[in-house]
Amino acid sequence: MAFAVVPDFVISSKSLNSTDKLVMGIINSLSLNNNTCFASNDYFSSMLNLSNRTITSAISKLKKENLIEVTTVNNRRNIYLKYDEKKYISSPSRNNLLTGIDKYF
């Protein structure tokens, strides 16, 4: 993962703390290709240098805020984005972000 994309509405949320927002950014970025994130708590923990307990708390908060849905299939956790991606992807800020990133990658 080269970067994390945190939607504007997540950054400006008063109900989420900084850790919740970072975890959401990683989930969002890992979900861009197939709309599903398969990362484990160990992955998030090592990426952010935080405990598994802190990651579990952040994921629970994101579920409670109805931003993600978590399912388990064949002992594999799947995290799905629940916000309206089309609205976010078509926003001018998203297009500007991707245009700016294209010149670096």
N, C-alpha and C. Protein backbone atom coordinates (compact mmCIF):
# COMPACT_ATOMS: atom_id res chain seq x y z
N MET A 1 0.86 -1.17 0.00
CA MET A 1 0.00 0.00 0.00
C MET A 1 0.90 1.23 0.00
N ALA A 2 0.74 2.07 -1.02
CA ALA A 2 1.57 3.26 -1.16
C ALA A 2 1.06 4.44 -0.34
N PHE A 3 -0.24 4.50 -0.12
CA PHE A 3 -0.83 5.61 0.62
C PHE A 3 -2.22 5.22 1.11
N ALA A 4 -2.73 5.99 2.07
CA ALA A 4 -4.08 5.77 2.58
C ALA A 4 -4.94 6.96 2.19
N VAL A 5 -6.15 6.68 1.75
CA VAL A 5 -7.09 7.72 1.36
C VAL A 5 -8.21 7.76 2.38
N VAL A 6 -8.30 8.87 3.09
CA VAL A 6 -9.34 9.04 4.09
C VAL A 6 -10.36 10.04 3.54
N PRO A 7 -11.61 9.60 3.35
CA PRO A 7 -12.64 10.52 2.82
C PRO A 7 -12.82 11.74 3.71
N ASP A 8 -13.15 12.87 3.07
CA ASP A 8 -13.35 14.13 3.80
C ASP A 8 -14.32 13.99 4.95
N PHE A 9 -15.44 13.31 4.71
CA PHE A 9 -16.45 13.21 5.76
C PHE A 9 -15.95 12.40 6.96
N VAL A 10 -14.99 11.51 6.74
CA VAL A 10 -14.41 10.75 7.85
C VAL A 10 -13.45 11.66 8.62
N ILE A 11 -12.63 12.41 7.91
CA ILE A 11 -11.68 13.32 8.57
C ILE A 11 -12.41 14.34 9.43
N SER A 12 -13.52 14.85 8.95
CA SER A 12 -14.24 15.89 9.69
C SER A 12 -15.19 15.34 10.74
N SER A 13 -15.30 14.02 10.85
CA SER A 13 -16.19 13.41 11.84
C SER A 13 -15.75 13.73 13.27
N LYS A 14 -16.68 14.17 14.07
CA LYS A 14 -16.38 14.46 15.47
C LYS A 14 -16.53 13.23 16.36
N SER A 15 -17.15 12.17 15.82
CA SER A 15 -17.38 10.97 16.61
C SER A 15 -16.23 9.95 16.49
N LEU A 16 -15.29 10.19 15.57
CA LEU A 16 -14.16 9.28 15.38
C LEU A 16 -12.88 9.92 15.89
N ASN A 17 -12.03 9.11 16.51
CA ASN A 17 -10.73 9.63 16.92
C ASN A 17 -9.71 9.43 15.80
N SER A 18 -8.50 9.89 16.00
CA SER A 18 -7.47 9.83 14.96
C SER A 18 -7.17 8.41 14.53
N THR A 19 -7.14 7.49 15.47
CA THR A 19 -6.87 6.08 15.14
C THR A 19 -7.98 5.52 14.27
N ASP A 20 -9.22 5.80 14.63
CA ASP A 20 -10.36 5.33 13.83
C ASP A 20 -10.22 5.83 12.39
N LYS A 21 -9.85 7.08 12.23
CA LYS A 21 -9.72 7.69 10.92
C LYS A 21 -8.59 7.05 10.11
N LEU A 22 -7.47 6.77 10.77
CA LEU A 22 -6.35 6.11 10.07
C LEU A 22 -6.73 4.70 9.64
N VAL A 23 -7.37 3.96 10.51
CA VAL A 23 -7.80 2.61 10.17
C VAL A 23 -8.78 2.67 9.00
N MET A 24 -9.70 3.62 9.02
CA MET A 24 -10.64 3.78 7.91
C MET A 24 -9.91 4.10 6.62
N GLY A 25 -8.89 4.92 6.69
CA GLY A 25 -8.10 5.25 5.50
C GLY A 25 -7.42 4.03 4.92
N ILE A 26 -6.87 3.17 5.77
CA ILE A 26 -6.23 1.95 5.30
C ILE A 26 -7.26 1.01 4.70
N ILE A 27 -8.39 0.83 5.38
CA ILE A 27 -9.46 -0.03 4.85
C ILE A 27 -9.91 0.50 3.49
N ASN A 28 -10.13 1.79 3.41
CA ASN A 28 -10.57 2.42 2.16
C ASN A 28 -9.56 2.16 1.04
N SER A 29 -8.29 2.35 1.31
CA SER A 29 -7.26 2.16 0.29
C SER A 29 -7.12 0.71 -0.13
N LEU A 30 -7.20 -0.21 0.81
CA LEU A 30 -7.09 -1.62 0.48
C LEU A 30 -8.35 -2.13 -0.23
N SER A 31 -9.44 -1.38 -0.16
CA SER A 31 -10.70 -1.78 -0.77
C SER A 31 -10.91 -1.19 -2.16
N LEU A 32 -10.00 -0.37 -2.63
CA LEU A 32 -10.22 0.34 -3.90
C LEU A 32 -10.36 -0.59 -5.09
N ASN A 33 -9.63 -1.71 -5.12
CA ASN A 33 -9.67 -2.59 -6.29
C ASN A 33 -10.85 -3.54 -6.31
N ASN A 34 -11.22 -4.09 -5.15
CA ASN A 34 -12.29 -5.10 -5.15
C ASN A 34 -13.39 -4.83 -4.12
N ASN A 35 -13.40 -3.63 -3.56
CA ASN A 35 -14.42 -3.22 -2.58
C ASN A 35 -14.42 -4.05 -1.31
N THR A 36 -13.37 -4.83 -1.11
CA THR A 36 -13.26 -5.64 0.10
C THR A 36 -11.84 -5.54 0.65
N CYS A 37 -11.75 -5.45 1.95
CA CYS A 37 -10.45 -5.43 2.62
C CYS A 37 -10.33 -6.73 3.42
N PHE A 38 -9.21 -7.42 3.25
CA PHE A 38 -8.98 -8.69 3.94
C PHE A 38 -7.93 -8.58 5.03
N ALA A 39 -7.45 -7.38 5.32
CA ALA A 39 -6.35 -7.18 6.27
C ALA A 39 -6.73 -7.66 7.67
N SER A 40 -5.76 -8.24 8.34
CA SER A 40 -5.96 -8.71 9.71
C SER A 40 -5.64 -7.58 10.70
N ASN A 41 -6.04 -7.79 11.93
CA ASN A 41 -5.69 -6.83 12.97
C ASN A 41 -4.17 -6.73 13.13
N ASP A 42 -3.46 -7.84 12.93
CA ASP A 42 -2.00 -7.82 12.99
C ASP A 42 -1.42 -6.89 11.93
N TYR A 43 -2.01 -6.90 10.74
CA TYR A 43 -1.55 -6.01 9.67
C TYR A 43 -1.73 -4.55 10.07
N PHE A 44 -2.95 -4.21 10.51
CA PHE A 44 -3.21 -2.83 10.94
C PHE A 44 -2.29 -2.45 12.09
N SER A 45 -2.12 -3.37 13.01
CA SER A 45 -1.30 -3.15 14.19
C SER A 45 0.15 -2.82 13.80
N SER A 46 0.70 -3.58 12.86
CA SER A 46 2.08 -3.34 12.45
C SER A 46 2.20 -2.07 11.60
N MET A 47 1.21 -1.78 10.78
CA MET A 47 1.23 -0.57 9.95
C MET A 47 1.20 0.70 10.81
N LEU A 48 0.40 0.67 11.86
CA LEU A 48 0.19 1.87 12.67
C LEU A 48 0.95 1.85 14.00
N ASN A 49 1.66 0.74 14.25
CA ASN A 49 2.41 0.59 15.50
C ASN A 49 1.49 0.76 16.72
N LEU A 50 0.36 0.05 16.66
CA LEU A 50 -0.64 0.09 17.73
C LEU A 50 -0.96 -1.33 18.16
N SER A 51 -1.57 -1.48 19.32
CA SER A 51 -1.92 -2.81 19.82
C SER A 51 -3.14 -3.37 19.07
N ASN A 52 -3.26 -4.70 19.09
CA ASN A 52 -4.43 -5.34 18.49
C ASN A 52 -5.72 -4.87 19.17
N ARG A 53 -5.64 -4.65 20.45
CA ARG A 53 -6.82 -4.18 21.19
C ARG A 53 -7.29 -2.82 20.67
N THR A 54 -6.34 -1.93 20.38
CA THR A 54 -6.68 -0.61 19.84
C THR A 54 -7.31 -0.74 18.45
N ILE A 55 -6.77 -1.65 17.64
CA ILE A 55 -7.32 -1.88 16.30
C ILE A 55 -8.73 -2.45 16.39
N THR A 56 -8.93 -3.42 17.28
CA THR A 56 -10.25 -4.00 17.49
C THR A 56 -11.26 -2.93 17.87
N SER A 57 -10.84 -2.03 18.74
CA SER A 57 -11.71 -0.93 19.16
C SER A 57 -12.05 -0.01 17.99
N ALA A 58 -11.07 0.30 17.17
CA ALA A 58 -11.30 1.18 16.01
C ALA A 58 -12.26 0.53 15.02
N ILE A 59 -12.07 -0.75 14.74
CA ILE A 59 -12.95 -1.44 13.80
C ILE A 59 -14.37 -1.51 14.36
N SER A 60 -14.50 -1.76 15.64
CA SER A 60 -15.83 -1.76 16.28
C SER A 60 -16.50 -0.39 16.15
N LYS A 61 -15.73 0.66 16.33
CA LYS A 61 -16.27 2.02 16.21
C LYS A 61 -16.73 2.30 14.78
N LEU A 62 -15.95 1.87 13.80
CA LEU A 62 -16.32 2.08 12.40
C LEU A 62 -17.58 1.31 12.04
N LYS A 63 -17.74 0.11 12.63
CA LYS A 63 -18.97 -0.67 12.44
C LYS A 63 -20.15 0.06 13.07
N LYS A 64 -19.95 0.54 14.28
CA LYS A 64 -21.01 1.24 15.01
C LYS A 64 -21.45 2.50 14.25
N GLU A 65 -20.50 3.17 13.61
CA GLU A 65 -20.80 4.38 12.84
C GLU A 65 -21.36 4.05 11.45
N ASN A 66 -21.51 2.76 11.17
CA ASN A 66 -22.09 2.27 9.91
C ASN A 66 -21.25 2.64 8.68
N LEU A 67 -19.93 2.69 8.87
CA LEU A 67 -19.03 2.98 7.77
C LEU A 67 -18.51 1.71 7.11
N ILE A 68 -18.48 0.62 7.89
CA ILE A 68 -18.01 -0.67 7.36
C ILE A 68 -18.93 -1.79 7.82
N GLU A 69 -18.85 -2.89 7.11
CA GLU A 69 -19.54 -4.12 7.51
C GLU A 69 -18.47 -5.21 7.54
N VAL A 70 -18.51 -6.02 8.56
CA VAL A 70 -17.52 -7.09 8.72
C VAL A 70 -18.23 -8.44 8.69
N THR A 71 -17.76 -9.32 7.81
CA THR A 71 -18.29 -10.67 7.75
C THR A 71 -17.11 -11.64 7.80
N THR A 72 -17.43 -12.88 8.11
CA THR A 72 -16.41 -13.94 8.11
C THR A 72 -16.89 -15.05 7.20
N VAL A 73 -16.05 -15.41 6.24
CA VAL A 73 -16.35 -16.49 5.31
C VAL A 73 -15.15 -17.43 5.29
N ASN A 74 -15.39 -18.69 5.61
CA ASN A 74 -14.32 -19.70 5.66
C ASN A 74 -13.16 -19.24 6.55
N ASN A 75 -13.49 -18.73 7.72
CA ASN A 75 -12.52 -18.25 8.70
C ASN A 75 -11.67 -17.09 8.20
N ARG A 76 -12.16 -16.36 7.21
CA ARG A 76 -11.46 -15.20 6.68
C ARG A 76 -12.35 -13.98 6.85
N ARG A 77 -11.81 -12.96 7.50
CA ARG A 77 -12.58 -11.74 7.73
C ARG A 77 -12.61 -10.89 6.46
N ASN A 78 -13.79 -10.41 6.14
CA ASN A 78 -13.99 -9.50 5.01
C ASN A 78 -14.54 -8.19 5.56
N ILE A 79 -13.92 -7.08 5.19
CA ILE A 79 -14.40 -5.77 5.61
C ILE A 79 -14.88 -5.05 4.36
N TYR A 80 -16.14 -4.66 4.37
CA TYR A 80 -16.75 -3.97 3.23
C TYR A 80 -17.05 -2.53 3.61
N LEU A 81 -16.84 -1.62 2.67
CA LEU A 81 -17.21 -0.23 2.88
C LEU A 81 -18.72 -0.10 2.76
N LYS A 82 -19.33 0.69 3.63
CA LYS A 82 -20.78 0.85 3.59
C LYS A 82 -21.22 2.24 3.15
N TYR A 83 -20.29 3.18 3.03
CA TYR A 83 -20.69 4.51 2.59
C TYR A 83 -20.83 4.53 1.07
N ASP A 84 -21.47 5.55 0.54
CA ASP A 84 -21.74 5.64 -0.89
C ASP A 84 -20.46 6.01 -1.65
N GLU A 85 -19.77 5.00 -2.16
CA GLU A 85 -18.51 5.22 -2.86
C GLU A 85 -18.68 6.06 -4.11
N LYS A 86 -19.76 5.87 -4.85
CA LYS A 86 -19.95 6.60 -6.09
C LYS A 86 -20.00 8.10 -5.85
N LYS A 87 -20.67 8.49 -4.78
CA LYS A 87 -20.73 9.90 -4.44
C LYS A 87 -19.33 10.42 -4.13
N TYR A 88 -18.58 9.64 -3.38
CA TYR A 88 -17.23 10.05 -2.99
C TYR A 88 -16.29 10.05 -4.19
N ILE A 89 -16.33 9.00 -5.00
CA ILE A 89 -15.41 8.88 -6.13
C ILE A 89 -15.66 9.98 -7.16
N SER A 90 -16.90 10.40 -7.34
CA SER A 90 -17.20 11.40 -8.35
C SER A 90 -17.00 12.84 -7.84
N SER A 91 -16.62 12.98 -6.59
CA SER A 91 -16.47 14.33 -6.05
C SER A 91 -15.23 15.00 -6.64
N PRO A 92 -15.24 16.33 -6.80
CA PRO A 92 -14.09 17.03 -7.36
C PRO A 92 -12.82 16.79 -6.56
N SER A 93 -12.91 16.74 -5.23
CA SER A 93 -11.70 16.54 -4.43
C SER A 93 -11.07 15.19 -4.71
N ARG A 94 -11.87 14.15 -4.95
CA ARG A 94 -11.35 12.82 -5.27
C ARG A 94 -10.63 12.86 -6.61
N ASN A 95 -11.24 13.52 -7.62
CA ASN A 95 -10.61 13.61 -8.92
C ASN A 95 -9.30 14.39 -8.85
N ASN A 96 -9.28 15.47 -8.10
CA ASN A 96 -8.05 16.25 -7.94
C ASN A 96 -6.98 15.44 -7.23
N LEU A 97 -7.38 14.68 -6.23
CA LEU A 97 -6.43 13.86 -5.50
C LEU A 97 -5.79 12.84 -6.43
N LEU A 98 -6.61 12.14 -7.20
CA LEU A 98 -6.08 11.12 -8.10
C LEU A 98 -5.21 11.73 -9.19
N THR A 99 -5.56 12.90 -9.70
CA THR A 99 -4.74 13.57 -10.70
C THR A 99 -3.39 13.93 -10.10
N GLY A 100 -3.40 14.44 -8.89
CA GLY A 100 -2.14 14.80 -8.23
C GLY A 100 -1.28 13.59 -7.93
N ILE A 101 -1.89 12.50 -7.57
CA ILE A 101 -1.14 11.29 -7.25
C ILE A 101 -0.55 10.66 -8.51
N ASP A 102 -1.29 10.73 -9.63
CA ASP A 102 -0.83 10.12 -10.88
C ASP A 102 0.57 10.60 -11.28
N LYS A 103 0.87 11.84 -11.03
CA LYS A 103 2.18 12.35 -11.46
C LYS A 103 3.33 11.82 -10.61
N TYR A 104 3.01 11.21 -9.45
CA TYR A 104 4.05 10.66 -8.59
C TYR A 104 4.22 9.15 -8.74
N PHE A 105 3.24 8.47 -9.32
CA PHE A 105 3.30 7.01 -9.43
C PHE A 105 3.25 6.56 -10.85
